[in-house]
């Protein structure tokens, strides 16, 4: 028989409020193999702590939950608001375990800058956060619709399976020449050459052996990996652009003098920022930026290039 049972058709089954710092609104402890705290209602378990944990559940029995919240009527299985939204510590079981048939198992929202919505810490040599996908979907999915980073790793990263990158090329950032930097540097698809200081500028000459490649990001292709990424504006106001160094990238091309066919080697042209078909093999040595993967019959336009400086 339960020591405390709370039932309500309109409100919380059990509501516990603690005014003392560091004390739980409701504390449940079971040392005999049961759940530390179990709630079933509009919100399975709801805790609001001022200075302490909203809900704190501890269990020392294997495979039992510190806090278990079940809701069959559309509410939250477990909801916590306080210094720590939900704190779970399991000795032999899960610290926090969330299951949902329609939504995310566990949702954590941090309202303070630089604080985590969900934080996992393991100081005993295990995983801080462990995720396992059972149905061929993502074990961990990271998104940031606000424009920030989806994830940050501080330290080494080990991958034992395939690393799948959906972008089209590997790019590397370079400084852009002050003469052409403008507010955003040279645009995607621009064929660029290196200046004497190593900065980028659009090509302006046929068969320029200073060719560096094409700026990544044109058309439907985005870089899979960007190396040497730095702030777009340096301390001297220099802009930076990412140039595709391997893979497939769209580049601006000029077929006004001769058409570009699939398989043609491409080199720089006198049309600023554009490539052209390399027909003079002698002049093309050291000035090739890649091989055309799509044709361009006439005029100017974008050509997909398999990057390969030669």
Protein backbone atom coordinates (compact mmCIF):
# COMPACT_ATOMS: atom_id res chain seq x y z
CA UNK A 1 0.00 0.00 0.00
CA UNK A 2 1.30 3.45 -0.93
CA UNK A 3 2.09 5.80 1.93
CA UNK A 4 0.87 8.84 -0.02
CA UNK A 5 -1.82 8.76 -2.73
CA UNK A 6 -3.08 11.89 -4.42
CA UNK A 7 -6.05 11.89 -6.82
CA UNK A 8 -7.69 14.88 -8.47
CA UNK A 9 -9.96 15.33 -11.48
CA UNK A 10 -9.03 18.98 -12.02
CA UNK A 11 -5.70 19.72 -10.32
CA UNK A 12 -2.42 18.08 -9.30
CA UNK A 13 -2.66 14.75 -7.55
CA UNK A 14 0.08 15.72 -5.09
CA UNK A 15 1.58 19.20 -4.86
CA UNK A 16 4.65 19.78 -2.75
CA UNK A 17 6.24 23.21 -2.27
CA UNK A 18 9.46 23.74 -0.37
CA UNK A 19 10.58 27.19 0.75
CA UNK A 20 13.94 25.99 2.04
CA UNK A 21 16.97 26.31 -0.22
CA UNK A 22 18.23 22.96 -1.46
CA UNK A 23 15.14 21.02 -0.36
CA UNK A 24 12.83 19.20 -2.75
CA UNK A 25 9.17 20.10 -3.20
CA UNK A 26 8.42 16.38 -3.12
CA UNK A 27 11.01 13.76 -2.20
CA UNK A 28 10.35 10.08 -2.74
CA UNK A 29 12.72 7.37 -1.55
CA UNK A 30 12.21 3.62 -1.95
CA UNK A 31 14.89 1.29 -0.67
CA UNK A 32 12.99 -1.92 -1.41
CA UNK A 33 13.03 -2.13 -5.21
CA UNK A 34 10.14 0.22 -6.04
CA UNK A 35 10.11 3.65 -7.68
CA UNK A 36 11.45 6.62 -5.75
CA UNK A 37 8.47 8.63 -7.00
CA UNK A 38 5.63 7.67 -9.33
CA UNK A 39 2.98 10.02 -10.61
CA UNK A 40 -0.05 9.61 -12.88
CA UNK A 41 -2.32 12.51 -13.72
CA UNK A 42 -2.60 15.68 -15.85
CA UNK A 43 1.13 16.02 -15.37
CA UNK A 44 2.63 12.73 -14.30
CA UNK A 45 4.92 14.52 -11.85
CA UNK A 46 5.16 18.29 -11.48
CA UNK A 47 7.73 19.97 -9.25
CA UNK A 48 8.61 23.64 -8.77
CA UNK A 49 11.58 24.40 -6.52
CA UNK A 50 12.78 27.83 -5.46
CA UNK A 51 16.47 27.25 -4.94
CA UNK A 52 16.21 23.46 -4.91
CA UNK A 53 15.41 20.82 -7.49
CA UNK A 54 11.93 20.80 -8.99
CA UNK A 55 11.83 17.03 -8.65
CA UNK A 56 14.61 14.91 -7.19
CA UNK A 57 14.35 11.16 -7.31
CA UNK A 58 16.96 8.74 -5.98
CA UNK A 59 16.83 4.97 -6.13
CA UNK A 60 19.48 2.45 -5.21
CA UNK A 61 17.69 -0.52 -6.75
CA UNK A 62 18.83 -1.82 -10.14
CA UNK A 63 16.52 -1.20 -13.13
CA UNK A 64 14.22 1.09 -11.14
CA UNK A 65 13.66 4.75 -11.97
CA UNK A 66 14.62 7.61 -9.70
CA UNK A 67 11.50 9.37 -10.97
CA UNK A 68 8.87 7.72 -13.16
CA UNK A 69 6.13 9.83 -14.75
CA UNK A 70 3.30 8.34 -16.83
CA UNK A 71 0.51 10.29 -18.50
CA UNK A 72 -2.14 8.64 -20.66
CA UNK A 73 -4.22 11.78 -21.25
CA UNK A 74 -2.04 14.10 -23.38
CA UNK A 75 -0.12 15.88 -20.59
CA UNK A 76 3.56 15.66 -19.72
CA UNK A 77 4.93 12.43 -18.40
CA UNK A 78 7.37 14.47 -16.32
CA UNK A 79 7.64 18.26 -15.96
CA UNK A 80 10.20 20.07 -13.84
CA UNK A 81 10.81 23.74 -13.19
CA UNK A 82 13.49 25.01 -10.84
CA UNK A 83 17.25 25.24 -10.42
CA UNK A 84 17.41 21.93 -12.26
CA UNK A 85 14.38 21.13 -14.39
CA UNK A 86 14.70 17.43 -13.68
CA UNK A 87 17.54 15.80 -11.77
CA UNK A 88 17.79 12.03 -11.89
CA UNK A 89 20.41 9.82 -10.30
CA UNK A 90 20.21 6.07 -10.81
CA UNK A 91 22.47 3.52 -9.18
CA UNK A 92 22.03 0.54 -11.46
CA UNK A 93 19.19 2.05 -13.48
CA UNK A 94 18.60 5.13 -15.63
CA UNK A 95 19.07 8.58 -14.14
CA UNK A 96 16.31 9.97 -16.35
CA UNK A 97 14.28 7.78 -18.69
CA UNK A 98 11.66 9.26 -21.03
CA UNK A 99 9.29 7.44 -23.38
CA UNK A 100 6.68 9.01 -25.66
CA UNK A 101 4.59 7.60 -28.51
CA UNK A 102 4.11 10.98 -30.22
CA UNK A 103 6.71 13.47 -29.02
CA UNK A 104 10.30 13.57 -27.75
CA UNK A 105 11.10 11.30 -24.84
CA UNK A 106 12.80 14.04 -22.82
CA UNK A 107 12.79 17.78 -23.54
CA UNK A 108 15.11 20.15 -21.75
CA UNK A 109 14.97 23.92 -22.25
CA UNK A 110 17.63 26.24 -20.88
CA UNK A 111 16.56 29.86 -20.35
CA UNK A 112 20.01 31.17 -19.42
CA UNK A 113 22.75 31.87 -21.97
CA UNK A 114 25.52 29.26 -22.04
CA UNK A 115 23.43 26.84 -19.95
CA UNK A 116 22.36 23.50 -21.36
CA UNK A 117 18.76 22.45 -21.87
CA UNK A 118 19.91 18.94 -20.99
CA UNK A 119 23.26 18.30 -19.31
CA UNK A 120 24.75 14.85 -18.83
CA UNK A 121 27.77 14.43 -16.57
CA UNK A 122 29.64 11.27 -15.72
CA UNK A 123 32.70 11.61 -13.51
CA UNK A 124 33.29 7.87 -13.21
CA UNK A 125 34.73 7.24 -16.68
CA UNK A 126 31.47 6.48 -18.49
CA UNK A 127 29.46 8.45 -21.04
CA UNK A 128 28.07 11.84 -20.09
CA UNK A 129 25.26 11.27 -22.61
CA UNK A 130 24.52 7.98 -24.34
CA UNK A 131 22.02 7.57 -27.15
CA UNK A 132 20.96 4.44 -29.03
CA UNK A 133 18.64 4.36 -32.03
CA UNK A 134 16.70 1.13 -32.53
CA UNK A 135 14.71 1.78 -35.69
CA UNK A 136 17.26 2.98 -38.22
CA UNK A 137 16.66 6.65 -37.39
CA UNK A 138 19.15 8.97 -35.73
CA UNK A 139 20.40 8.00 -32.31
CA UNK A 140 21.12 11.70 -31.74
CA UNK A 141 19.60 14.54 -33.79
CA UNK A 142 20.96 18.07 -33.31
CA UNK A 143 19.29 21.11 -34.84
CA UNK A 144 19.54 24.83 -34.26
CA UNK A 145 16.85 26.76 -36.15
CA UNK A 146 18.11 30.00 -34.59
CA UNK A 147 21.21 30.02 -36.79
CA UNK A 148 23.78 28.99 -34.20
CA UNK A 149 25.85 25.82 -34.13
CA UNK A 150 23.95 22.55 -33.93
CA UNK A 151 26.78 21.03 -31.94
CA UNK A 152 30.18 21.80 -30.44
CA UNK A 153 32.79 19.20 -29.52
CA UNK A 154 35.66 20.19 -27.22
CA UNK A 155 38.17 17.38 -27.45
CA UNK A 156 38.77 14.44 -29.76
CA UNK A 157 35.90 12.84 -31.67
CA UNK A 158 35.96 9.12 -32.52
CA UNK A 159 33.83 7.70 -35.34
CA UNK A 160 33.75 3.90 -35.71
CA UNK A 161 31.27 3.80 -38.61
CA UNK A 162 30.77 5.82 -41.78
CA UNK A 163 30.91 9.61 -41.54
CA UNK A 164 28.21 10.81 -43.95
CA UNK A 165 28.54 14.41 -45.13
CA UNK A 166 25.81 15.59 -47.48
CA UNK A 167 27.70 18.55 -48.96
CA UNK A 168 29.37 18.46 -52.35
CA UNK A 169 32.97 19.46 -51.63
CA UNK A 170 35.72 20.04 -49.12
CA UNK A 171 36.56 23.73 -48.94
CA UNK A 172 39.21 25.83 -47.27
CA UNK A 173 38.94 29.46 -46.28
CA UNK A 174 41.29 32.14 -47.59
CA UNK A 175 41.57 35.87 -47.06
CA UNK A 176 40.11 37.97 -49.86
CA UNK A 177 42.13 40.75 -51.44
CA UNK A 178 41.31 44.16 -50.01
CA UNK A 179 40.68 45.49 -53.52
CA UNK A 180 37.72 43.17 -54.05
CA UNK A 181 36.68 42.19 -50.53
CA UNK A 182 33.66 44.49 -50.22
CA UNK A 183 31.14 43.58 -47.51
CA UNK A 184 31.01 39.83 -48.23
CA UNK A 185 34.12 38.93 -50.24
CA UNK A 186 33.93 37.22 -53.61
CA UNK A 187 30.68 35.42 -54.32
CA UNK A 188 29.94 31.68 -54.63
CA UNK A 189 30.99 30.19 -57.96
CA UNK A 190 33.66 32.81 -58.63
CA UNK A 191 36.87 31.40 -60.11
CA UNK A 192 39.67 32.86 -58.03
CA UNK A 193 43.44 33.21 -58.18
CA UNK A 194 46.02 33.81 -55.47
CA UNK A 195 47.74 37.14 -55.13
CA UNK A 196 51.34 37.65 -54.04
CA UNK A 197 50.19 37.78 -50.39
CA UNK A 198 48.12 34.60 -50.69
CA UNK A 199 44.77 36.40 -50.76
CA UNK A 200 42.02 35.68 -53.27
CA UNK A 201 40.86 37.73 -56.23
CA UNK A 202 38.68 36.85 -59.25
CA UNK A 203 40.69 35.57 -62.22
CA UNK A 204 41.22 38.05 -65.06
CA UNK A 205 43.57 36.21 -67.43
CA UNK A 206 43.44 33.09 -69.60
CA UNK A 207 45.45 30.13 -68.30
CA UNK A 208 46.49 31.75 -65.01
CA UNK A 209 48.77 29.39 -63.09
CA UNK A 210 47.86 31.18 -59.85
CA UNK A 211 44.39 29.61 -59.97
CA UNK A 212 43.13 28.49 -56.55
CA UNK A 213 39.74 27.10 -57.57
CA UNK A 214 36.10 28.20 -57.31
CA UNK A 215 34.38 29.72 -54.30
CA UNK A 216 32.08 27.11 -52.74
CA UNK A 217 28.35 27.45 -52.23
CA UNK A 218 26.93 28.21 -55.68
CA UNK A 219 23.79 26.52 -57.01
CA UNK A 220 22.54 23.59 -54.98
CA UNK A 221 25.93 22.64 -53.56
CA UNK A 222 27.18 23.48 -50.10
CA UNK A 223 30.55 22.46 -48.66
CA UNK A 224 30.56 19.20 -46.73
CA UNK A 225 33.56 20.37 -44.74
CA UNK A 226 35.24 23.78 -44.38
CA UNK A 227 38.84 23.89 -43.21
CA UNK A 228 40.62 26.82 -41.52
CA UNK A 229 37.30 28.47 -40.71
CA UNK A 230 37.74 31.83 -39.04
CA UNK A 231 35.56 34.89 -38.43
CA UNK A 232 34.50 36.38 -41.78
CA UNK A 233 36.06 39.70 -40.83
CA UNK A 234 39.55 39.68 -39.36
CA UNK A 235 41.15 42.30 -37.15
CA UNK A 236 42.03 44.39 -40.22
CA UNK A 237 38.56 44.08 -41.75
CA UNK A 238 39.66 41.37 -44.17
CA UNK A 239 36.92 39.14 -45.55
CA UNK A 240 37.30 35.42 -46.08
CA UNK A 241 35.81 33.04 -48.63
CA UNK A 242 35.81 29.24 -48.78
CA UNK A 243 37.33 27.75 -51.93
CA UNK A 244 36.51 24.17 -52.94
CA UNK A 245 39.76 22.20 -52.89
CA UNK A 246 38.28 18.78 -53.68
CA UNK A 247 34.89 17.36 -54.69
CA UNK A 248 32.17 18.88 -56.87
CA UNK A 249 31.38 22.60 -57.04
CA UNK A 250 29.46 24.91 -59.35
CA UNK A 251 31.62 27.60 -60.94
CA UNK A 252 30.96 30.50 -63.25
CA UNK A 253 32.01 29.68 -66.81
CA UNK A 254 32.26 31.44 -70.17
CA UNK A 255 31.51 29.48 -73.35
CA UNK A 256 31.35 32.52 -75.63
CA UNK A 257 34.45 31.52 -77.63
CA UNK A 258 34.01 27.75 -77.50
CA UNK A 259 31.40 25.40 -75.94
CA UNK A 260 32.17 23.48 -72.77
CA UNK A 261 31.50 19.75 -72.94
CA UNK A 262 31.36 17.16 -70.19
CA UNK A 263 34.91 15.96 -69.54
CA UNK A 264 36.63 19.16 -70.70
CA UNK A 265 39.44 20.46 -68.55
CA UNK A 266 38.64 23.94 -67.25
CA UNK A 267 41.02 26.82 -66.74
CA UNK A 268 40.77 30.52 -65.98
CA UNK A 269 39.47 32.97 -68.57
CA UNK A 270 39.85 36.68 -69.18
CA UNK A 271 36.20 37.12 -68.22
CA UNK A 272 36.59 38.07 -64.53
CA UNK A 273 35.74 35.24 -62.19
CA UNK A 274 34.91 32.75 -64.97
CA UNK A 275 36.39 29.49 -66.22
CA UNK A 276 36.66 28.31 -69.83
CA UNK A 277 37.52 25.10 -71.66
CA UNK A 278 41.26 24.45 -71.78
CA UNK A 279 42.16 23.70 -75.41
CA UNK A 280 45.84 24.63 -75.27
CA UNK A 281 47.26 21.75 -73.24
CA UNK A 282 50.69 23.35 -73.00
CA UNK A 283 49.34 26.60 -71.58
CA UNK A 284 46.94 24.70 -69.33
CA UNK A 285 49.73 22.96 -67.41
CA UNK A 286 49.49 24.30 -63.84
CA UNK A 287 46.39 26.34 -64.69
CA UNK A 288 43.65 23.66 -64.59
CA UNK A 289 41.03 23.96 -61.87
CA UNK A 290 39.07 20.78 -62.66
CA UNK A 291 36.98 18.78 -65.10
CA UNK A 292 33.52 19.78 -66.36
CA UNK A 293 30.64 17.53 -65.26
CA UNK A 294 27.91 19.52 -67.03
CA UNK A 295 27.97 21.22 -70.45
CA UNK A 296 27.57 24.87 -71.43
CA UNK A 297 26.88 25.42 -75.12
CA UNK A 298 27.33 29.18 -75.26
CA UNK A 299 27.39 32.39 -73.27
CA UNK A 300 28.02 32.43 -69.54
CA UNK A 301 26.53 30.30 -66.80
CA UNK A 302 27.27 27.79 -64.07
CA UNK A 303 29.13 24.55 -64.79
CA UNK A 304 29.51 21.73 -62.29
CA UNK A 305 33.19 20.96 -61.87
CA UNK A 306 35.06 18.04 -60.36
CA UNK A 307 37.81 19.97 -58.62
CA UNK A 308 41.38 18.89 -59.37
CA UNK A 309 44.10 21.50 -59.58
CA UNK A 310 46.77 20.59 -62.11
